[in-house]
């Protein structure tokens, strides 16, 4: 039985009782949440200070320190992400306060991102509801019907250098500064509040440590952190046997367990990424705090049938580009060319 068939079978058996399975992991621990805040924020601020002090000795040392600092920034983003799901503390008010503060450190407008991400969770794997917080994915039929300019733009967009380089940096630094035209009034206010707060922050940093020092610290940390964050999101939804279905066929459980992967990372990377590798469980129940995801996965064999990707095998995900309705797989452009020729014959 293929992975897809096993996951679909698991999804069918879960339809009636999956909520009962995940319910016992949906209770946030005030102590664990508070400690995670401390062991994420304190090292990040300390590394920021060390990077500034290191500038007196070596720019290269400052750049080297940006790597662990970016790791803690990713961890802080996961905390903001959990707050956005109302999963980090029992109190909605505390979630929103902590989420806004940690979102500020990630230059991410909390309420706007919270709303967009909720739409992503509600439509993950639904071909007819693409476009909310996901990676632009075209089907084979759409690609064949598209004019050459759109196909060229799509190829450029899907290139690793753009997705995990300029593109990810642009998303957090520029795109999140633009109020969404189709967003709610609260979304737009969230963006404007973040812009004013960041303007004040940049001004204070410029007047205190200087704009050169600020850029030498903030830019590399953000560039690495944004690239890692985009990569995590990408590989957890862009693998060969991923689940996509038309709206009338789409199923939430299948979209969670098969449309999201279990990204099996080394323990140190799992820690820095806040257990987000257990993405299949997170999509099934976004109310589970990140520190309970591994326990939920380990204690329930049915979740262990979800698609698994290792650090090494995840590199293959870079090649997948197009969704094929007939084979129900993501294809590389080489696969697409071969299938196109065979079907034409």
Foldseek 3Di string as FASTA:
>chain_A
DDLLVLLVVLLVVCPVPVCVLCVVQLAADPVVLVVLCCVLVVVLVVLLVVLLVCVVPDLVVSLVSLVVSLLSLLSLQLLLLLLLQVQHHVDVVVSVVSNCVSCLVQLALRVLLSVLVVQCLVQQQAPVSPDRPAQDAAALVRLVPDPPVVVVVLVVSLALCCQLAVPLLCVRPPVLLDQDPPDDPVSNVSSVVSVVVVVVVQVVCCVPSRNVSVCSNPVSNNSNNSSVVSLQRQLQQQAWQAHHDHPVPDDSLSSLQRRGEQEDEPPVSCSSNLVCSLRSVCSVPVSRGSVCSVVSPVVDVSSVSGHYHYPVRSVVSSQFHHAYPVVRTTDGVVRSVVVVVVVVD
